[in-house]
Amino acid sequence: MCLTEKPMDIKQLDMYIQKNKRLPGFESAKFYEEHGMNLNDIIIKQQEKIEEIFLYLIELKKENELLKTELNQLKNK
C-alpha cells in the first residue's frame, strides 16, 4: 500500500481480524511456523501497516476536530 491508497474501512478491518485472527496481508502464525518467513517481506508488510495506522489516526483527528467544532457551535447557541 502506498500513501495515496485509502486503507480498508475500520469496520471492515475489525470484521476481517475477528474472522481471520490476523491482519490483512499476513498469513496465519501456523503458516509461518510451517513455512518460515522472509524477513524482508515481513518488514515491508509491517511498514505498510504502520502507514495504514497513520492514515487511520489522521482520519480520526479530522473527525475529532469536526466534532469539537460542532460541539462548540451547539454550546454557543
PDB file of N, CA and C in Angstrom:
ATOM      1  N   MET A   1       0.851  -1.182   0.000  1.00  0.00           N
ATOM      2  CA  MET A   1       0.000   0.000   0.000  1.00  0.00           C
ATOM      3  C   MET A   1       0.884   1.228   0.000  1.00  0.00           C
ATOM      4  N   CYS A   2       0.532   2.199  -0.796  1.00  0.00           N
ATOM      5  CA  CYS A   2       1.254   3.468  -0.754  1.00  0.00           C
ATOM      6  C   CYS A   2       0.336   4.513  -0.134  1.00  0.00           C
ATOM      7  N   LEU A   3       0.903   5.644   0.220  1.00  0.00           N
ATOM      8  CA  LEU A   3       0.145   6.651   0.953  1.00  0.00           C
ATOM      9  C   LEU A   3      -1.022   7.235   0.176  1.00  0.00           C
ATOM     10  N   THR A   4      -1.063   7.026  -1.137  1.00  0.00           N
ATOM     11  CA  THR A   4      -2.192   7.549  -1.909  1.00  0.00           C
ATOM     12  C   THR A   4      -3.394   6.615  -1.845  1.00  0.00           C
ATOM     13  N   GLU A   5      -3.180   5.394  -1.378  1.00  0.00           N
ATOM     14  CA  GLU A   5      -4.288   4.447  -1.259  1.00  0.00           C
ATOM     15  C   GLU A   5      -5.003   4.649   0.066  1.00  0.00           C
ATOM     16  N   LYS A   6      -6.307   4.494   0.033  1.00  0.00           N
ATOM     17  CA  LYS A   6      -7.103   4.594   1.253  1.00  0.00           C
ATOM     18  C   LYS A   6      -7.117   3.225   1.926  1.00  0.00           C
ATOM     19  N   PRO A   7      -6.840   3.177   3.232  1.00  0.00           N
ATOM     20  CA  PRO A   7      -6.861   1.880   3.913  1.00  0.00           C
ATOM     21  C   PRO A   7      -8.280   1.320   3.990  1.00  0.00           C
ATOM     22  N   MET A   8      -8.354   0.040   4.282  1.00  0.00           N
ATOM     23  CA  MET A   8      -9.645  -0.627   4.457  1.00  0.00           C
ATOM     24  C   MET A   8     -10.444   0.112   5.524  1.00  0.00           C
ATOM     25  N   ASP A   9     -11.743   0.216   5.335  1.00  0.00           N
ATOM     26  CA  ASP A   9     -12.619   0.817   6.329  1.00  0.00           C
ATOM     27  C   ASP A   9     -12.391   0.123   7.670  1.00  0.00           C
ATOM     28  N   ILE A  10     -12.349   0.908   8.739  1.00  0.00           N
ATOM     29  CA  ILE A  10     -12.021   0.368  10.065  1.00  0.00           C
ATOM     30  C   ILE A  10     -12.999  -0.724  10.507  1.00  0.00           C
ATOM     31  N   LYS A  11     -14.268  -0.597  10.135  1.00  0.00           N
ATOM     32  CA  LYS A  11     -15.248  -1.632  10.483  1.00  0.00           C
ATOM     33  C   LYS A  11     -14.965  -2.915   9.715  1.00  0.00           C
ATOM     34  N   GLN A  12     -14.611  -2.765   8.442  1.00  0.00           N
ATOM     35  CA  GLN A  12     -14.261  -3.944   7.642  1.00  0.00           C
ATOM     36  C   GLN A  12     -13.005  -4.605   8.192  1.00  0.00           C
ATOM     37  N   LEU A  13     -12.036  -3.781   8.594  1.00  0.00           N
ATOM     38  CA  LEU A  13     -10.800  -4.305   9.171  1.00  0.00           C
ATOM     39  C   LEU A  13     -11.094  -5.084  10.445  1.00  0.00           C
ATOM     40  N   ASP A  14     -11.939  -4.534  11.297  1.00  0.00           N
ATOM     41  CA  ASP A  14     -12.311  -5.208  12.543  1.00  0.00           C
ATOM     42  C   ASP A  14     -12.959  -6.557  12.252  1.00  0.00           C
ATOM     43  N   MET A  15     -13.879  -6.582  11.303  1.00  0.00           N
ATOM     44  CA  MET A  15     -14.544  -7.846  10.947  1.00  0.00           C
ATOM     45  C   MET A  15     -13.543  -8.842  10.373  1.00  0.00           C
ATOM     46  N   TYR A  16     -12.622  -8.369   9.545  1.00  0.00           N
ATOM     47  CA  TYR A  16     -11.608  -9.244   8.959  1.00  0.00           C
ATOM     48  C   TYR A  16     -10.754  -9.882  10.051  1.00  0.00           C
ATOM     49  N   ILE A  17     -10.298  -9.055  10.990  1.00  0.00           N
ATOM     50  CA  ILE A  17      -9.447  -9.559  12.077  1.00  0.00           C
ATOM     51  C   ILE A  17     -10.205 -10.553  12.944  1.00  0.00           C
ATOM     52  N   GLN A  18     -11.465 -10.257  13.265  1.00  0.00           N
ATOM     53  CA  GLN A  18     -12.257 -11.184  14.071  1.00  0.00           C
ATOM     54  C   GLN A  18     -12.424 -12.520  13.356  1.00  0.00           C
ATOM     55  N   LYS A  19     -12.661 -12.469  12.053  1.00  0.00           N
ATOM     56  CA  LYS A  19     -12.887 -13.690  11.275  1.00  0.00           C
ATOM     57  C   LYS A  19     -11.599 -14.480  11.061  1.00  0.00           C
ATOM     58  N   ASN A  20     -10.508 -13.792  10.714  1.00  0.00           N
ATOM     59  CA  ASN A  20      -9.280 -14.460  10.299  1.00  0.00           C
ATOM     60  C   ASN A  20      -8.197 -14.521  11.374  1.00  0.00           C
ATOM     61  N   LYS A  21      -8.403 -13.806  12.481  1.00  0.00           N
ATOM     62  CA  LYS A  21      -7.448 -13.791  13.593  1.00  0.00           C
ATOM     63  C   LYS A  21      -6.062 -13.301  13.172  1.00  0.00           C
ATOM     64  N   ARG A  22      -6.032 -12.378  12.202  1.00  0.00           N
ATOM     65  CA  ARG A  22      -4.780 -11.804  11.734  1.00  0.00           C
ATOM     66  C   ARG A  22      -5.080 -10.560  10.908  1.00  0.00           C
ATOM     67  N   LEU A  23      -4.067  -9.763  10.687  1.00  0.00           N
ATOM     68  CA  LEU A  23      -4.204  -8.576   9.841  1.00  0.00           C
ATOM     69  C   LEU A  23      -4.213  -8.980   8.371  1.00  0.00           C
ATOM     70  N   PRO A  24      -4.913  -8.231   7.535  1.00  0.00           N
ATOM     71  CA  PRO A  24      -4.856  -8.494   6.105  1.00  0.00           C
ATOM     72  C   PRO A  24      -3.415  -8.357   5.609  1.00  0.00           C
ATOM     73  N   GLY A  25      -3.041  -9.198   4.678  1.00  0.00           N
ATOM     74  CA  GLY A  25      -1.696  -9.141   4.125  1.00  0.00           C
ATOM     75  C   GLY A  25      -0.709 -10.069   4.814  1.00  0.00           C
ATOM     76  N   PHE A  26      -1.107 -10.629   5.932  1.00  0.00           N
ATOM     77  CA  PHE A  26      -0.260 -11.573   6.654  1.00  0.00           C
ATOM     78  C   PHE A  26      -0.900 -12.954   6.617  1.00  0.00           C
ATOM     79  N   GLU A  27      -0.043 -13.960   6.689  1.00  0.00           N
ATOM     80  CA  GLU A  27      -0.534 -15.333   6.787  1.00  0.00           C
ATOM     81  C   GLU A  27      -0.771 -15.649   8.261  1.00  0.00           C
ATOM     82  N   SER A  28      -1.343 -16.818   8.505  1.00  0.00           N
ATOM     83  CA  SER A  28      -1.565 -17.249   9.891  1.00  0.00           C
ATOM     84  C   SER A  28      -0.227 -17.590  10.546  1.00  0.00           C
ATOM     85  N   ALA A  29      -0.202 -17.567  11.854  1.00  0.00           N
ATOM     86  CA  ALA A  29       1.003 -17.935  12.593  1.00  0.00           C
ATOM     87  C   ALA A  29       1.419 -19.362  12.235  1.00  0.00           C
ATOM     88  N   LYS A  30       0.444 -20.228  12.073  1.00  0.00           N
ATOM     89  CA  LYS A  30       0.738 -21.624  11.720  1.00  0.00           C
ATOM     90  C   LYS A  30       1.468 -21.698  10.373  1.00  0.00           C
ATOM     91  N   PHE A  31       1.043 -20.880   9.421  1.00  0.00           N
ATOM     92  CA  PHE A  31       1.705 -20.850   8.109  1.00  0.00           C
ATOM     93  C   PHE A  31       3.186 -20.518   8.282  1.00  0.00           C
ATOM     94  N   TYR A  32       3.482 -19.473   9.083  1.00  0.00           N
ATOM     95  CA  TYR A  32       4.872 -19.064   9.271  1.00  0.00           C
ATOM     96  C   TYR A  32       5.659 -20.129  10.042  1.00  0.00           C
ATOM     97  N   GLU A  33       5.016 -20.805  10.967  1.00  0.00           N
ATOM     98  CA  GLU A  33       5.693 -21.883  11.695  1.00  0.00           C
ATOM     99  C   GLU A  33       6.073 -23.008  10.748  1.00  0.00           C
ATOM    100  N   GLU A  34       5.202 -23.334   9.814  1.00  0.00           N
ATOM    101  CA  GLU A  34       5.434 -24.446   8.897  1.00  0.00           C
ATOM    102  C   GLU A  34       6.355 -24.080   7.731  1.00  0.00           C
ATOM    103  N   HIS A  35       6.257 -22.850   7.245  1.00  0.00           N
ATOM    104  CA  HIS A  35       6.984 -22.466   6.042  1.00  0.00           C
ATOM    105  C   HIS A  35       8.122 -21.472   6.287  1.00  0.00           C
ATOM    106  N   GLY A  36       8.240 -21.001   7.497  1.00  0.00           N
ATOM    107  CA  GLY A  36       9.237 -19.978   7.777  1.00  0.00           C
ATOM    108  C   GLY A  36       8.754 -18.634   7.260  1.00  0.00           C
ATOM    109  N   MET A  37       9.611 -17.640   7.372  1.00  0.00           N
ATOM    110  CA  MET A  37       9.213 -16.323   6.903  1.00  0.00           C
ATOM    111  C   MET A  37      10.396 -15.620   6.274  1.00  0.00           C
ATOM    112  N   ASN A  38      10.107 -14.837   5.273  1.00  0.00           N
ATOM    113  CA  ASN A  38      11.102 -13.998   4.622  1.00  0.00           C
ATOM    114  C   ASN A  38      11.107 -12.675   5.372  1.00  0.00           C
ATOM    115  N   LEU A  39      12.188 -12.393   6.047  1.00  0.00           N
ATOM    116  CA  LEU A  39      12.265 -11.209   6.897  1.00  0.00           C
ATOM    117  C   LEU A  39      12.026  -9.928   6.106  1.00  0.00           C
ATOM    118  N   ASN A  40      12.529  -9.852   4.893  1.00  0.00           N
ATOM    119  CA  ASN A  40      12.313  -8.661   4.066  1.00  0.00           C
ATOM    120  C   ASN A  40      10.829  -8.453   3.792  1.00  0.00           C
ATOM    121  N   ASP A  41      10.109  -9.521   3.463  1.00  0.00           N
ATOM    122  CA  ASP A  41       8.668  -9.417   3.215  1.00  0.00           C
ATOM    123  C   ASP A  41       7.922  -8.957   4.460  1.00  0.00           C
ATOM    124  N   ILE A  42       8.301  -9.487   5.599  1.00  0.00           N
ATOM    125  CA  ILE A  42       7.652  -9.115   6.856  1.00  0.00           C
ATOM    126  C   ILE A  42       7.883  -7.637   7.158  1.00  0.00           C
ATOM    127  N   ILE A  43       9.097  -7.154   6.950  1.00  0.00           N
ATOM    128  CA  ILE A  43       9.399  -5.745   7.210  1.00  0.00           C
ATOM    129  C   ILE A  43       8.576  -4.846   6.293  1.00  0.00           C
ATOM    130  N   ILE A  44       8.464  -5.215   5.029  1.00  0.00           N
ATOM    131  CA  ILE A  44       7.664  -4.430   4.086  1.00  0.00           C
ATOM    132  C   ILE A  44       6.205  -4.405   4.522  1.00  0.00           C
ATOM    133  N   LYS A  45       5.665  -5.562   4.905  1.00  0.00           N
ATOM    134  CA  LYS A  45       4.269  -5.621   5.348  1.00  0.00           C
ATOM    135  C   LYS A  45       4.058  -4.804   6.614  1.00  0.00           C
ATOM    136  N   GLN A  46       5.015  -4.868   7.536  1.00  0.00           N
ATOM    137  CA  GLN A  46       4.905  -4.074   8.761  1.00  0.00           C
ATOM    138  C   GLN A  46       4.904  -2.581   8.441  1.00  0.00           C
ATOM    139  N   GLN A  47       5.742  -2.158   7.514  1.00  0.00           N
ATOM    140  CA  GLN A  47       5.785  -0.751   7.132  1.00  0.00           C
ATOM    141  C   GLN A  47       4.447  -0.326   6.532  1.00  0.00           C
ATOM    142  N   GLU A  48       3.847  -1.189   5.712  1.00  0.00           N
ATOM    143  CA  GLU A  48       2.534  -0.889   5.142  1.00  0.00           C
ATOM    144  C   GLU A  48       1.499  -0.705   6.247  1.00  0.00           C
ATOM    145  N   LYS A  49       1.536  -1.576   7.254  1.00  0.00           N
ATOM    146  CA  LYS A  49       0.574  -1.473   8.356  1.00  0.00           C
ATOM    147  C   LYS A  49       0.810  -0.206   9.167  1.00  0.00           C
ATOM    148  N   ILE A  50       2.069   0.194   9.347  1.00  0.00           N
ATOM    149  CA  ILE A  50       2.360   1.446  10.045  1.00  0.00           C
ATOM    150  C   ILE A  50       1.765   2.619   9.283  1.00  0.00           C
ATOM    151  N   GLU A  51       1.919   2.617   7.960  1.00  0.00           N
ATOM    152  CA  GLU A  51       1.341   3.680   7.140  1.00  0.00           C
ATOM    153  C   GLU A  51      -0.177   3.705   7.280  1.00  0.00           C
ATOM    154  N   GLU A  52      -0.803   2.532   7.275  1.00  0.00           N
ATOM    155  CA  GLU A  52      -2.257   2.458   7.445  1.00  0.00           C
ATOM    156  C   GLU A  52      -2.672   3.039   8.788  1.00  0.00           C
ATOM    157  N   ILE A  53      -1.926   2.726   9.833  1.00  0.00           N
ATOM    158  CA  ILE A  53      -2.243   3.248  11.166  1.00  0.00           C
ATOM    159  C   ILE A  53      -2.199   4.771  11.162  1.00  0.00           C
ATOM    160  N   PHE A  54      -1.183   5.343  10.533  1.00  0.00           N
ATOM    161  CA  PHE A  54      -1.099   6.797  10.464  1.00  0.00           C
ATOM    162  C   PHE A  54      -2.273   7.380   9.697  1.00  0.00           C
ATOM    163  N   LEU A  55      -2.694   6.732   8.624  1.00  0.00           N
ATOM    164  CA  LEU A  55      -3.851   7.223   7.875  1.00  0.00           C
ATOM    165  C   LEU A  55      -5.111   7.167   8.731  1.00  0.00           C
ATOM    166  N   TYR A  56      -5.266   6.088   9.516  1.00  0.00           N
ATOM    167  CA  TYR A  56      -6.408   5.993  10.430  1.00  0.00           C
ATOM    168  C   TYR A  56      -6.350   7.103  11.473  1.00  0.00           C
ATOM    169  N   LEU A  57      -5.162   7.353  12.020  1.00  0.00           N
ATOM    170  CA  LEU A  57      -5.019   8.413  13.022  1.00  0.00           C
ATOM    171  C   LEU A  57      -5.357   9.790  12.457  1.00  0.00           C
ATOM    172  N   ILE A  58      -4.896  10.057  11.258  1.00  0.00           N
ATOM    173  CA  ILE A  58      -5.205  11.334  10.623  1.00  0.00           C
ATOM    174  C   ILE A  58      -6.705  11.476  10.410  1.00  0.00           C
ATOM    175  N   GLU A  59      -7.334  10.402   9.949  1.00  0.00           N
ATOM    176  CA  GLU A  59      -8.790  10.416   9.742  1.00  0.00           C
ATOM    177  C   GLU A  59      -9.521  10.657  11.059  1.00  0.00           C
ATOM    178  N   LEU A  60      -9.097   9.982  12.121  1.00  0.00           N
ATOM    179  CA  LEU A  60      -9.726  10.165  13.429  1.00  0.00           C
ATOM    180  C   LEU A  60      -9.513  11.581  13.963  1.00  0.00           C
ATOM    181  N   LYS A  61      -8.337  12.141  13.738  1.00  0.00           N
ATOM    182  CA  LYS A  61      -8.057  13.503  14.189  1.00  0.00           C
ATOM    183  C   LYS A  61      -8.985  14.496  13.479  1.00  0.00           C
ATOM    184  N   LYS A  62      -9.152  14.326  12.181  1.00  0.00           N
ATOM    185  CA  LYS A  62     -10.061  15.201  11.438  1.00  0.00           C
ATOM    186  C   LYS A  62     -11.491  15.074  11.955  1.00  0.00           C
ATOM    187  N   GLU A  63     -11.918  13.844  12.194  1.00  0.00           N
ATOM    188  CA  GLU A  63     -13.268  13.608  12.711  1.00  0.00           C
ATOM    189  C   GLU A  63     -13.423  14.231  14.093  1.00  0.00           C
ATOM    190  N   ASN A  64     -12.402  14.092  14.915  1.00  0.00           N
ATOM    191  CA  ASN A  64     -12.429  14.658  16.262  1.00  0.00           C
ATOM    192  C   ASN A  64     -12.527  16.178  16.214  1.00  0.00           C
ATOM    193  N   GLU A  65     -11.763  16.813  15.339  1.00  0.00           N
ATOM    194  CA  GLU A  65     -11.802  18.274  15.207  1.00  0.00           C
ATOM    195  C   GLU A  65     -13.179  18.734  14.733  1.00  0.00           C
ATOM    196  N   LEU A  66     -13.763  18.012  13.808  1.00  0.00           N
ATOM    197  CA  LEU A  66     -15.100  18.345  13.329  1.00  0.00           C
ATOM    198  C   LEU A  66     -16.126  18.251  14.462  1.00  0.00           C
ATOM    199  N   LEU A  67     -16.027  17.192  15.252  1.00  0.00           N
ATOM    200  CA  LEU A  67     -16.948  17.019  16.375  1.00  0.00           C
ATOM    201  C   LEU A  67     -16.762  18.115  17.424  1.00  0.00           C
ATOM    202  N   LYS A  68     -15.516  18.520  17.664  1.00  0.00           N
ATOM    203  CA  LYS A  68     -15.262  19.614  18.604  1.00  0.00           C
ATOM    204  C   LYS A  68     -15.907  20.908  18.109  1.00  0.00           C
ATOM    205  N   THR A  69     -15.758  21.166  16.829  1.00  0.00           N
ATOM    206  CA  THR A  69     -16.349  22.365  16.238  1.00  0.00           C
ATOM    207  C   THR A  69     -17.855  22.344  16.374  1.00  0.00           C
ATOM    208  N   GLU A  70     -18.471  21.219  16.060  1.00  0.00           N
ATOM    209  CA  GLU A  70     -19.927  21.095  16.168  1.00  0.00           C
ATOM    210  C   GLU A  70     -20.379  21.255  17.609  1.00  0.00           C
ATOM    211  N   LEU A  71     -19.643  20.676  18.532  1.00  0.00           N
ATOM    212  CA  LEU A  71     -19.978  20.794  19.955  1.00  0.00           C
ATOM    213  C   LEU A  71     -19.892  22.258  20.408  1.00  0.00           C
ATOM    214  N   ASN A  72     -18.857  22.944  20.015  1.00  0.00           N
ATOM    215  CA  ASN A  72     -18.720  24.357  20.376  1.00  0.00           C
ATOM    216  C   ASN A  72     -19.839  25.196  19.795  1.00  0.00           C
ATOM    217  N   GLN A  73     -20.238  24.889  18.561  1.00  0.00           N
ATOM    218  CA  GLN A  73     -21.348  25.615  17.941  1.00  0.00           C
ATOM    219  C   GLN A  73     -22.642  25.396  18.724  1.00  0.00           C
ATOM    220  N   LEU A  74     -22.864  24.167  19.166  1.00  0.00           N
ATOM    221  CA  LEU A  74     -24.063  23.861  19.947  1.00  0.00           C
ATOM    222  C   LEU A  74     -24.025  24.553  21.311  1.00  0.00           C
ATOM    223  N   LYS A  75     -22.861  24.625  21.910  1.00  0.00           N
ATOM    224  CA  LYS A  75     -22.733  25.295  23.200  1.00  0.00           C
ATOM    225  C   LYS A  75     -22.998  26.793  23.090  1.00  0.00           C
ATOM    226  N   ASN A  76     -22.643  27.370  21.959  1.00  0.00           N
ATOM    227  CA  ASN A  76     -22.767  28.806  21.781  1.00  0.00           C
ATOM    228  C   ASN A  76     -24.147  29.241  21.284  1.00  0.00           C
ATOM    229  N   LYS A  77     -25.040  28.331  21.114  1.00  0.00           N
ATOM    230  CA  LYS A  77     -26.401  28.689  20.655  1.00  0.00           C
ATOM    231  C   LYS A  77     -27.229  29.210  21.797  1.00  0.00           C
TER     232      LYS A  77
END
